[in-house]
Amino acid sequence: MIPAQDPKEVRRLSDICFTGFGSDVFTRCRKRKHVDGRIAFSLLLREQGLGCSDIGRILDRNHATVLHYWSRGEALMETDKVFLKRFVKCREEYSGKEPVYYYSAPELRKKFMELRNERNKMFVELQAYKQQAKEDRHLADIFNVIRWRTKRDNVEQTMHKINRLYNGL
């Protein structure tokens, strides 16, 4: 919970809402983007444990206005996908977490499928690396001798000598 008097946290949250909604939460303007920004701002402060009177003092509004923001915000999250995405982005940035439980079911399915495909690709790569390691196991002794006896600044010289050895020069 942040104290209502902490101007740094309030400013940080207002900057996050400005980035997410393109609005100044402290303006008196009634344009939709500014109101949506104030709604998100008040909802995020409510999640921090602040009451409607405290939030009203921060926004220079009446506590009833903040209560209206809360009910309007809940309704917007159910009906307005754009508002929900912006709000979730603001929440993620403010809390520093990625709340998976705020995504819609189709978004979760899409993310799940992407992650499953990525995991399958990584599994195939791992199997290829394991197979290559099995095939190269007989070269381990040679590799260890080269690793132990080659200094970092002599790598190119050692490669040149090994190439000459194998090329028969």
Foldseek 3Di string as FASTA:
>chain_A
DDDLPPVVLLVVLQVLLCVLLVERQQDPDPDPSNLLSVLLSLVLVVVVPDALPSSCVVSVHDSVVSVVSPVVLVVCLVPPPSSLVSSQSSNCVSVVHNPPVSDDPVVNVVVVVVVVVVVVVVVVVVVVVVVVCVVCVVCVVVVVVCVVPDDPVCPVVVVVVVVCVVVVD
